[in-house]
């Protein structure tokens, strides 16, 4: 059984990534920590709690940073919907997160399971950066880090050079990338090339049952945005791609080292 710690700004593609981890038979998700990004942190917490409940999992969800380290928060609600989950009418209110703040939860989890945790980050890196500032020694205790963020080739999805998660909090990203963590970066350029769904793939997901239908329903606003801005036939799924690599590194056929 492998132990995962997931940091997320839970919106539609994050939710699909969470389902992948929570329903994987060989993965134990020790905690989910939530950061402001795609949506304000309170909404992202409710979204994560809903997904955990939907999966029948018993995993604590911890609320984290409400804004980037030094900047005002810029959300992506125009991409994922006001609630971040496609605005399909899900009951995304009234659930209670774990009392421990996200930064403390990260530090405690790493210290409890030294050299055992895989950290998967799906949002801005604010929570992780703060944890490293509080306890820099944890960088040497995390066995693997898969970061959905950045762009190593091609263009970004916010500016010609910037990917959203890094763009929201570049100061946090710098702390994380300079920390010595064993980072595997899954950039936007990789996602848009290899994880943009075709219409037939969306239909195949739906045919898999209630979880497949849920995972596609919540992509509605994202799919519309992808079509309007890029002419894509379906939504792009960067967070599920990062999670797939975290779950099964053998799917990677080529990787390159880059100075960040």
C-alpha atoms as a PDB file:
ATOM      1  CA  UNK A   1       0.000   0.000   0.000  1.00  0.00           C
ATOM      2  CA  UNK A   2       1.448   3.340  -1.076  1.00  0.00           C
ATOM      3  CA  UNK A   3       0.771   6.502   0.906  1.00  0.00           C
ATOM      4  CA  UNK A   4      -0.301   9.689  -0.866  1.00  0.00           C
ATOM      5  CA  UNK A   5      -0.669  13.267   0.336  1.00  0.00           C
ATOM      6  CA  UNK A   6      -2.655  15.426  -2.098  1.00  0.00           C
ATOM      7  CA  UNK A   7      -2.682  19.225  -2.205  1.00  0.00           C
ATOM      8  CA  UNK A   8      -5.451  20.620  -4.406  1.00  0.00           C
ATOM      9  CA  UNK A   9      -7.464  23.694  -5.376  1.00  0.00           C
ATOM     10  CA  UNK A  10     -10.388  21.403  -6.065  1.00  0.00           C
ATOM     11  CA  UNK A  11     -12.191  22.119  -9.316  1.00  0.00           C
ATOM     12  CA  UNK A  12     -13.417  19.839 -12.076  1.00  0.00           C
ATOM     13  CA  UNK A  13     -10.156  18.258 -13.216  1.00  0.00           C
ATOM     14  CA  UNK A  14      -8.859  18.090  -9.626  1.00  0.00           C
ATOM     15  CA  UNK A  15     -12.007  16.202  -8.661  1.00  0.00           C
ATOM     16  CA  UNK A  16     -11.372  13.589 -11.341  1.00  0.00           C
ATOM     17  CA  UNK A  17      -7.800  13.226 -10.072  1.00  0.00           C
ATOM     18  CA  UNK A  18      -9.086  12.779  -6.517  1.00  0.00           C
ATOM     19  CA  UNK A  19     -11.482  10.050  -7.646  1.00  0.00           C
ATOM     20  CA  UNK A  20      -8.570   8.251  -9.305  1.00  0.00           C
ATOM     21  CA  UNK A  21      -6.561   8.229  -6.072  1.00  0.00           C
ATOM     22  CA  UNK A  22      -9.399   7.614  -3.623  1.00  0.00           C
ATOM     23  CA  UNK A  23     -10.714   4.614  -5.566  1.00  0.00           C
ATOM     24  CA  UNK A  24      -7.322   3.071  -6.338  1.00  0.00           C
ATOM     25  CA  UNK A  25      -7.014  -0.251  -4.476  1.00  0.00           C
ATOM     26  CA  UNK A  26      -3.302   0.136  -3.721  1.00  0.00           C
ATOM     27  CA  UNK A  27      -3.297   3.775  -2.570  1.00  0.00           C
ATOM     28  CA  UNK A  28      -3.909   5.120   0.911  1.00  0.00           C
ATOM     29  CA  UNK A  29      -4.567   8.858   0.824  1.00  0.00           C
ATOM     30  CA  UNK A  30      -3.366  10.065   4.207  1.00  0.00           C
ATOM     31  CA  UNK A  31      -4.744  13.578   3.827  1.00  0.00           C
ATOM     32  CA  UNK A  32      -6.057  16.089   1.331  1.00  0.00           C
ATOM     33  CA  UNK A  33      -4.915  19.663   1.842  1.00  0.00           C
ATOM     34  CA  UNK A  34      -6.697  22.465   0.042  1.00  0.00           C
ATOM     35  CA  UNK A  35      -5.375  25.739  -1.336  1.00  0.00           C
ATOM     36  CA  UNK A  36      -7.020  28.723  -2.998  1.00  0.00           C
ATOM     37  CA  UNK A  37      -6.593  28.699  -6.755  1.00  0.00           C
ATOM     38  CA  UNK A  38      -9.237  27.614  -9.225  1.00  0.00           C
ATOM     39  CA  UNK A  39     -11.843  28.766  -6.711  1.00  0.00           C
ATOM     40  CA  UNK A  40     -11.671  30.432  -3.280  1.00  0.00           C
ATOM     41  CA  UNK A  41     -10.396  28.045  -0.637  1.00  0.00           C
ATOM     42  CA  UNK A  42     -13.743  27.607   1.155  1.00  0.00           C
ATOM     43  CA  UNK A  43     -15.355  26.428  -2.077  1.00  0.00           C
ATOM     44  CA  UNK A  44     -12.398  24.188  -2.881  1.00  0.00           C
ATOM     45  CA  UNK A  45     -12.711  22.586   0.571  1.00  0.00           C
ATOM     46  CA  UNK A  46     -16.399  21.851   0.025  1.00  0.00           C
ATOM     47  CA  UNK A  47     -15.630  20.369  -3.383  1.00  0.00           C
ATOM     48  CA  UNK A  48     -12.966  18.079  -1.931  1.00  0.00           C
ATOM     49  CA  UNK A  49     -15.246  16.989   0.900  1.00  0.00           C
ATOM     50  CA  UNK A  50     -17.987  16.178  -1.608  1.00  0.00           C
ATOM     51  CA  UNK A  51     -15.643  13.992  -3.659  1.00  0.00           C
ATOM     52  CA  UNK A  52     -14.378  12.170  -0.561  1.00  0.00           C
ATOM     53  CA  UNK A  53     -17.969  11.498   0.495  1.00  0.00           C
ATOM     54  CA  UNK A  54     -18.938  10.389  -3.012  1.00  0.00           C
ATOM     55  CA  UNK A  55     -16.081   7.870  -3.010  1.00  0.00           C
ATOM     56  CA  UNK A  56     -17.043   6.544   0.423  1.00  0.00           C
ATOM     57  CA  UNK A  57     -13.559   7.348   1.678  1.00  0.00           C
ATOM     58  CA  UNK A  58     -12.421   8.251   5.165  1.00  0.00           C
ATOM     59  CA  UNK A  59      -9.788  10.876   4.449  1.00  0.00           C
ATOM     60  CA  UNK A  60      -9.329  14.155   6.326  1.00  0.00           C
ATOM     61  CA  UNK A  61      -9.636  17.341   4.280  1.00  0.00           C
ATOM     62  CA  UNK A  62      -7.676  20.316   5.631  1.00  0.00           C
ATOM     63  CA  UNK A  63      -8.285  23.949   4.683  1.00  0.00           C
ATOM     64  CA  UNK A  64      -5.194  25.907   3.736  1.00  0.00           C
ATOM     65  CA  UNK A  65      -4.032  29.214   2.322  1.00  0.00           C
ATOM     66  CA  UNK A  66      -6.765  31.645   1.310  1.00  0.00           C
ATOM     67  CA  UNK A  67      -4.437  33.633  -0.954  1.00  0.00           C
ATOM     68  CA  UNK A  68      -0.976  33.505  -2.496  1.00  0.00           C
ATOM     69  CA  UNK A  69       2.062  34.464  -0.433  1.00  0.00           C
ATOM     70  CA  UNK A  70       2.334  38.066  -1.629  1.00  0.00           C
ATOM     71  CA  UNK A  71      -0.372  38.601  -4.246  1.00  0.00           C
ATOM     72  CA  UNK A  72      -4.130  38.888  -4.538  1.00  0.00           C
ATOM     73  CA  UNK A  73      -5.893  35.669  -5.505  1.00  0.00           C
ATOM     74  CA  UNK A  74      -6.848  35.231  -9.151  1.00  0.00           C
ATOM     75  CA  UNK A  75      -9.287  32.346  -9.615  1.00  0.00           C
ATOM     76  CA  UNK A  76     -10.214  30.308 -12.698  1.00  0.00           C
ATOM     77  CA  UNK A  77     -13.973  30.290 -12.144  1.00  0.00           C
ATOM     78  CA  UNK A  78     -14.442  31.378 -15.752  1.00  0.00           C
ATOM     79  CA  UNK A  79     -12.794  28.077 -16.699  1.00  0.00           C
ATOM     80  CA  UNK A  80     -14.369  25.637 -14.227  1.00  0.00           C
ATOM     81  CA  UNK A  81     -17.603  27.387 -13.225  1.00  0.00           C
ATOM     82  CA  UNK A  82     -18.506  29.528 -10.249  1.00  0.00           C
ATOM     83  CA  UNK A  83     -18.456  26.478  -7.954  1.00  0.00           C
ATOM     84  CA  UNK A  84     -15.474  24.974  -9.765  1.00  0.00           C
ATOM     85  CA  UNK A  85     -17.440  21.814 -10.485  1.00  0.00           C
ATOM     86  CA  UNK A  86     -19.159  22.754 -13.713  1.00  0.00           C
ATOM     87  CA  UNK A  87     -22.123  24.534 -12.083  1.00  0.00           C
ATOM     88  CA  UNK A  88     -24.241  21.402 -12.476  1.00  0.00           C
ATOM     89  CA  UNK A  89     -26.152  21.877  -9.222  1.00  0.00           C
ATOM     90  CA  UNK A  90     -24.187  19.651  -6.854  1.00  0.00           C
ATOM     91  CA  UNK A  91     -24.818  20.128  -3.102  1.00  0.00           C
ATOM     92  CA  UNK A  92     -21.446  21.700  -2.332  1.00  0.00           C
ATOM     93  CA  UNK A  93     -22.171  23.246   1.054  1.00  0.00           C
ATOM     94  CA  UNK A  94     -22.369  22.354   4.723  1.00  0.00           C
ATOM     95  CA  UNK A  95     -19.571  19.825   5.143  1.00  0.00           C
ATOM     96  CA  UNK A  96     -16.938  20.342   7.831  1.00  0.00           C
ATOM     97  CA  UNK A  97     -13.199  20.021   7.171  1.00  0.00           C
ATOM     98  CA  UNK A  98     -10.707  18.608   9.646  1.00  0.00           C
ATOM     99  CA  UNK A  99      -9.709  21.151  12.308  1.00  0.00           C
ATOM    100  CA  UNK A 100      -5.970  20.989  11.633  1.00  0.00           C
ATOM    101  CA  UNK A 101      -4.753  23.673   9.177  1.00  0.00           C
ATOM    102  CA  UNK A 102      -3.318  22.397   5.915  1.00  0.00           C
ATOM    103  CA  UNK A 103       0.264  23.498   6.544  1.00  0.00           C
ATOM    104  CA  UNK A 104       0.379  21.719   9.885  1.00  0.00           C
ATOM    105  CA  UNK A 105      -1.275  18.665   8.332  1.00  0.00           C
ATOM    106  CA  UNK A 106       1.438  18.490   5.670  1.00  0.00           C
ATOM    107  CA  UNK A 107       4.244  18.717   8.212  1.00  0.00           C
ATOM    108  CA  UNK A 108       2.643  16.137  10.514  1.00  0.00           C
ATOM    109  CA  UNK A 109       1.993  13.665   7.704  1.00  0.00           C
ATOM    110  CA  UNK A 110       5.563  13.866   6.424  1.00  0.00           C
ATOM    111  CA  UNK A 111       6.995  13.426   9.906  1.00  0.00           C
ATOM    112  CA  UNK A 112       4.626  10.519  10.611  1.00  0.00           C
ATOM    113  CA  UNK A 113       5.640   8.679   7.423  1.00  0.00           C
ATOM    114  CA  UNK A 114       9.240   9.658   6.627  1.00  0.00           C
ATOM    115  CA  UNK A 115      10.426   8.507   3.187  1.00  0.00           C
ATOM    116  CA  UNK A 116       7.020   6.907   2.517  1.00  0.00           C
ATOM    117  CA  UNK A 117       4.830   9.691   1.153  1.00  0.00           C
ATOM    118  CA  UNK A 118       4.177  10.635  -2.428  1.00  0.00           C
ATOM    119  CA  UNK A 119       3.085  14.263  -2.531  1.00  0.00           C
ATOM    120  CA  UNK A 120       0.848  15.173  -5.464  1.00  0.00           C
ATOM    121  CA  UNK A 121       0.192  18.876  -5.984  1.00  0.00           C
ATOM    122  CA  UNK A 122      -2.706  19.902  -8.207  1.00  0.00           C
ATOM    123  CA  UNK A 123      -2.937  23.631  -7.479  1.00  0.00           C
ATOM    124  CA  UNK A 124      -0.838  26.653  -6.588  1.00  0.00           C
ATOM    125  CA  UNK A 125       2.060  25.705  -4.327  1.00  0.00           C
ATOM    126  CA  UNK A 126       1.236  28.061  -1.444  1.00  0.00           C
ATOM    127  CA  UNK A 127       0.503  25.383   1.170  1.00  0.00           C
ATOM    128  CA  UNK A 128       3.606  23.384   0.323  1.00  0.00           C
ATOM    129  CA  UNK A 129       5.811  26.478   0.344  1.00  0.00           C
ATOM    130  CA  UNK A 130       4.500  27.496   3.755  1.00  0.00           C
ATOM    131  CA  UNK A 131       5.102  23.983   5.091  1.00  0.00           C
ATOM    132  CA  UNK A 132       8.689  24.136   3.832  1.00  0.00           C
ATOM    133  CA  UNK A 133       9.176  27.528   5.481  1.00  0.00           C
ATOM    134  CA  UNK A 134       7.887  26.179   8.795  1.00  0.00           C
ATOM    135  CA  UNK A 135       9.774  22.877   8.598  1.00  0.00           C
ATOM    136  CA  UNK A 136      12.414  22.902   5.838  1.00  0.00           C
ATOM    137  CA  UNK A 137      13.691  19.489   6.928  1.00  0.00           C
ATOM    138  CA  UNK A 138      10.603  17.793   5.475  1.00  0.00           C
ATOM    139  CA  UNK A 139      12.033  18.239   1.968  1.00  0.00           C
ATOM    140  CA  UNK A 140      14.418  15.364   2.679  1.00  0.00           C
ATOM    141  CA  UNK A 141      11.635  13.165   4.082  1.00  0.00           C
ATOM    142  CA  UNK A 142       9.247  13.071   1.100  1.00  0.00           C
ATOM    143  CA  UNK A 143       9.981  10.178  -1.226  1.00  0.00           C
ATOM    144  CA  UNK A 144       8.408  11.584  -4.396  1.00  0.00           C
ATOM    145  CA  UNK A 145       6.699  14.790  -5.523  1.00  0.00           C
ATOM    146  CA  UNK A 146       4.524  15.050  -8.628  1.00  0.00           C
ATOM    147  CA  UNK A 147       3.696  18.666  -9.451  1.00  0.00           C
ATOM    148  CA  UNK A 148       1.032  19.648 -11.941  1.00  0.00           C
ATOM    149  CA  UNK A 149       2.296  23.053 -12.893  1.00  0.00           C
ATOM    150  CA  UNK A 150       4.565  25.074 -15.075  1.00  0.00           C
ATOM    151  CA  UNK A 151       5.386  24.775 -18.739  1.00  0.00           C
ATOM    152  CA  UNK A 152       8.674  23.495 -20.133  1.00  0.00           C
ATOM    153  CA  UNK A 153       7.925  23.834 -23.823  1.00  0.00           C
ATOM    154  CA  UNK A 154       5.303  25.612 -25.866  1.00  0.00           C
ATOM    155  CA  UNK A 155       3.069  28.267 -24.332  1.00  0.00           C
ATOM    156  CA  UNK A 156       1.180  28.638 -21.075  1.00  0.00           C
ATOM    157  CA  UNK A 157      -2.539  28.729 -20.442  1.00  0.00           C
ATOM    158  CA  UNK A 158      -2.632  32.169 -18.785  1.00  0.00           C
ATOM    159  CA  UNK A 159       0.094  34.082 -20.620  1.00  0.00           C
ATOM    160  CA  UNK A 160       2.349  32.976 -23.477  1.00  0.00           C
ATOM    161  CA  UNK A 161       4.872  31.823 -20.862  1.00  0.00           C
ATOM    162  CA  UNK A 162       2.858  31.034 -17.725  1.00  0.00           C
ATOM    163  CA  UNK A 163       0.772  28.093 -16.516  1.00  0.00           C
ATOM    164  CA  UNK A 164      -2.026  28.886 -14.040  1.00  0.00           C
ATOM    165  CA  UNK A 165      -0.801  27.096 -10.890  1.00  0.00           C
ATOM    166  CA  UNK A 166       2.628  28.723 -11.025  1.00  0.00           C
ATOM    167  CA  UNK A 167       1.262  32.063 -12.258  1.00  0.00           C
ATOM    168  CA  UNK A 168      -1.118  32.348  -9.287  1.00  0.00           C
ATOM    169  CA  UNK A 169       1.738  32.106  -6.770  1.00  0.00           C
ATOM    170  CA  UNK A 170       5.182  32.260  -8.397  1.00  0.00           C
ATOM    171  CA  UNK A 171       6.842  33.108  -5.084  1.00  0.00           C
ATOM    172  CA  UNK A 172       5.556  29.849  -3.611  1.00  0.00           C
ATOM    173  CA  UNK A 173       6.641  27.944  -6.705  1.00  0.00           C
ATOM    174  CA  UNK A 174      10.168  29.307  -6.341  1.00  0.00           C
ATOM    175  CA  UNK A 175      10.363  28.139  -2.724  1.00  0.00           C
ATOM    176  CA  UNK A 176       9.174  24.657  -3.668  1.00  0.00           C
ATOM    177  CA  UNK A 177      11.376  24.236  -6.734  1.00  0.00           C
ATOM    178  CA  UNK A 178      14.463  25.449  -4.862  1.00  0.00           C
ATOM    179  CA  UNK A 179      13.791  23.280  -1.782  1.00  0.00           C
ATOM    180  CA  UNK A 180      15.560  20.147  -2.935  1.00  0.00           C
ATOM    181  CA  UNK A 181      12.351  18.130  -3.182  1.00  0.00           C
ATOM    182  CA  UNK A 182      12.477  15.251  -5.709  1.00  0.00           C
ATOM    183  CA  UNK A 183      10.084  16.927  -8.144  1.00  0.00           C
ATOM    184  CA  UNK A 184       8.523  15.440 -11.250  1.00  0.00           C
ATOM    185  CA  UNK A 185       6.859  18.331 -13.073  1.00  0.00           C
ATOM    186  CA  UNK A 186       3.893  17.618 -15.314  1.00  0.00           C
ATOM    187  CA  UNK A 187       3.521  20.835 -17.275  1.00  0.00           C
ATOM    188  CA  UNK A 188       0.613  22.382 -19.114  1.00  0.00           C
ATOM    189  CA  UNK A 189       2.381  21.736 -22.421  1.00  0.00           C
ATOM    190  CA  UNK A 190       2.333  17.989 -21.738  1.00  0.00           C
ATOM    191  CA  UNK A 191      -1.284  18.091 -20.635  1.00  0.00           C
ATOM    192  CA  UNK A 192      -2.660  19.988 -23.606  1.00  0.00           C
ATOM    193  CA  UNK A 193      -0.839  17.631 -25.958  1.00  0.00           C
ATOM    194  CA  UNK A 194      -1.633  14.303 -24.313  1.00  0.00           C
ATOM    195  CA  UNK A 195      -4.628  14.831 -22.008  1.00  0.00           C
ATOM    196  CA  UNK A 196      -7.213  16.687 -24.077  1.00  0.00           C
ATOM    197  CA  UNK A 197     -10.182  14.370 -24.381  1.00  0.00           C
ATOM    198  CA  UNK A 198     -11.872  13.624 -27.673  1.00  0.00           C
ATOM    199  CA  UNK A 199     -15.657  13.325 -27.877  1.00  0.00           C
ATOM    200  CA  UNK A 200     -15.435   9.529 -28.105  1.00  0.00           C
ATOM    201  CA  UNK A 201     -13.304   9.423 -24.960  1.00  0.00           C
ATOM    202  CA  UNK A 202     -15.853  11.519 -23.068  1.00  0.00           C
ATOM    203  CA  UNK A 203     -18.562   9.063 -24.149  1.00  0.00           C
ATOM    204  CA  UNK A 204     -16.408   6.136 -23.050  1.00  0.00           C
ATOM    205  CA  UNK A 205     -15.933   7.703 -19.607  1.00  0.00           C
ATOM    206  CA  UNK A 206     -19.695   8.129 -19.261  1.00  0.00           C
ATOM    207  CA  UNK A 207     -20.268   4.487 -20.174  1.00  0.00           C
ATOM    208  CA  UNK A 208     -18.149   3.324 -17.224  1.00  0.00           C
ATOM    209  CA  UNK A 209     -20.934   3.987 -14.715  1.00  0.00           C
ATOM    210  CA  UNK A 210     -21.882   6.573 -12.095  1.00  0.00           C
ATOM    211  CA  UNK A 211     -18.320   7.673 -11.330  1.00  0.00           C
ATOM    212  CA  UNK A 212     -17.491   8.085 -14.997  1.00  0.00           C
ATOM    213  CA  UNK A 213     -20.665  10.074 -15.574  1.00  0.00           C
ATOM    214  CA  UNK A 214     -19.928  12.287 -12.560  1.00  0.00           C
ATOM    215  CA  UNK A 215     -16.368  12.925 -13.694  1.00  0.00           C
ATOM    216  CA  UNK A 216     -17.565  14.037 -17.139  1.00  0.00           C
ATOM    217  CA  UNK A 217     -20.613  16.005 -15.969  1.00  0.00           C
ATOM    218  CA  UNK A 218     -18.457  18.323 -13.876  1.00  0.00           C
ATOM    219  CA  UNK A 219     -16.247  19.113 -16.883  1.00  0.00           C
ATOM    220  CA  UNK A 220     -19.119  20.944 -18.621  1.00  0.00           C
ATOM    221  CA  UNK A 221     -17.849  24.508 -18.169  1.00  0.00           C
ATOM    222  CA  UNK A 222     -14.240  23.437 -18.771  1.00  0.00           C
ATOM    223  CA  UNK A 223     -15.222  21.685 -22.007  1.00  0.00           C
ATOM    224  CA  UNK A 224     -17.074  24.782 -23.217  1.00  0.00           C
ATOM    225  CA  UNK A 225     -14.053  26.943 -22.372  1.00  0.00           C
ATOM    226  CA  UNK A 226     -11.670  24.590 -24.203  1.00  0.00           C
ATOM    227  CA  UNK A 227     -13.880  24.662 -27.287  1.00  0.00           C
ATOM    228  CA  UNK A 228     -14.269  28.454 -27.285  1.00  0.00           C
ATOM    229  CA  UNK A 229     -10.598  29.224 -26.707  1.00  0.00           C
ATOM    230  CA  UNK A 230      -8.815  26.400 -28.551  1.00  0.00           C
ATOM    231  CA  UNK A 231     -11.445  24.660 -30.640  1.00  0.00           C
ATOM    232  CA  UNK A 232     -10.860  21.479 -28.631  1.00  0.00           C
ATOM    233  CA  UNK A 233     -13.418  18.682 -28.921  1.00  0.00           C
ATOM    234  CA  UNK A 234     -13.273  17.979 -25.193  1.00  0.00           C
ATOM    235  CA  UNK A 235     -11.804  19.203 -21.914  1.00  0.00           C
ATOM    236  CA  UNK A 236      -8.104  19.153 -21.131  1.00  0.00           C
ATOM    237  CA  UNK A 237      -7.265  17.204 -17.969  1.00  0.00           C
ATOM    238  CA  UNK A 238      -3.903  18.265 -16.499  1.00  0.00           C
ATOM    239  CA  UNK A 239      -4.569  17.138 -12.924  1.00  0.00           C
ATOM    240  CA  UNK A 240      -5.723  13.626 -13.888  1.00  0.00           C
ATOM    241  CA  UNK A 241      -2.619  13.314 -16.064  1.00  0.00           C
ATOM    242  CA  UNK A 242      -0.390  14.220 -13.124  1.00  0.00           C
ATOM    243  CA  UNK A 243      -2.293  11.800 -10.904  1.00  0.00           C
ATOM    244  CA  UNK A 244      -2.008   9.025 -13.496  1.00  0.00           C
ATOM    245  CA  UNK A 245       1.766   9.493 -13.529  1.00  0.00           C
ATOM    246  CA  UNK A 246       1.850   9.474  -9.730  1.00  0.00           C
ATOM    247  CA  UNK A 247      -0.181   6.261  -9.668  1.00  0.00           C
ATOM    248  CA  UNK A 248       1.732   4.490 -12.432  1.00  0.00           C
ATOM    249  CA  UNK A 249       5.105   5.984 -13.430  1.00  0.00           C
ATOM    250  CA  UNK A 250       5.489   3.340 -16.138  1.00  0.00           C
ATOM    251  CA  UNK A 251       3.068   5.231 -18.397  1.00  0.00           C
ATOM    252  CA  UNK A 252       5.768   7.870 -18.957  1.00  0.00           C
ATOM    253  CA  UNK A 253       7.597   7.064 -22.180  1.00  0.00           C
ATOM    254  CA  UNK A 254       9.920  10.064 -22.168  1.00  0.00           C
ATOM    255  CA  UNK A 255      11.133  12.507 -19.535  1.00  0.00           C
ATOM    256  CA  UNK A 256      13.746  15.242 -19.585  1.00  0.00           C
ATOM    257  CA  UNK A 257      15.565  17.214 -16.904  1.00  0.00           C
ATOM    258  CA  UNK A 258      15.035  20.960 -16.918  1.00  0.00           C
ATOM    259  CA  UNK A 259      16.484  23.783 -14.853  1.00  0.00           C
ATOM    260  CA  UNK A 260      13.573  25.688 -13.318  1.00  0.00           C
END
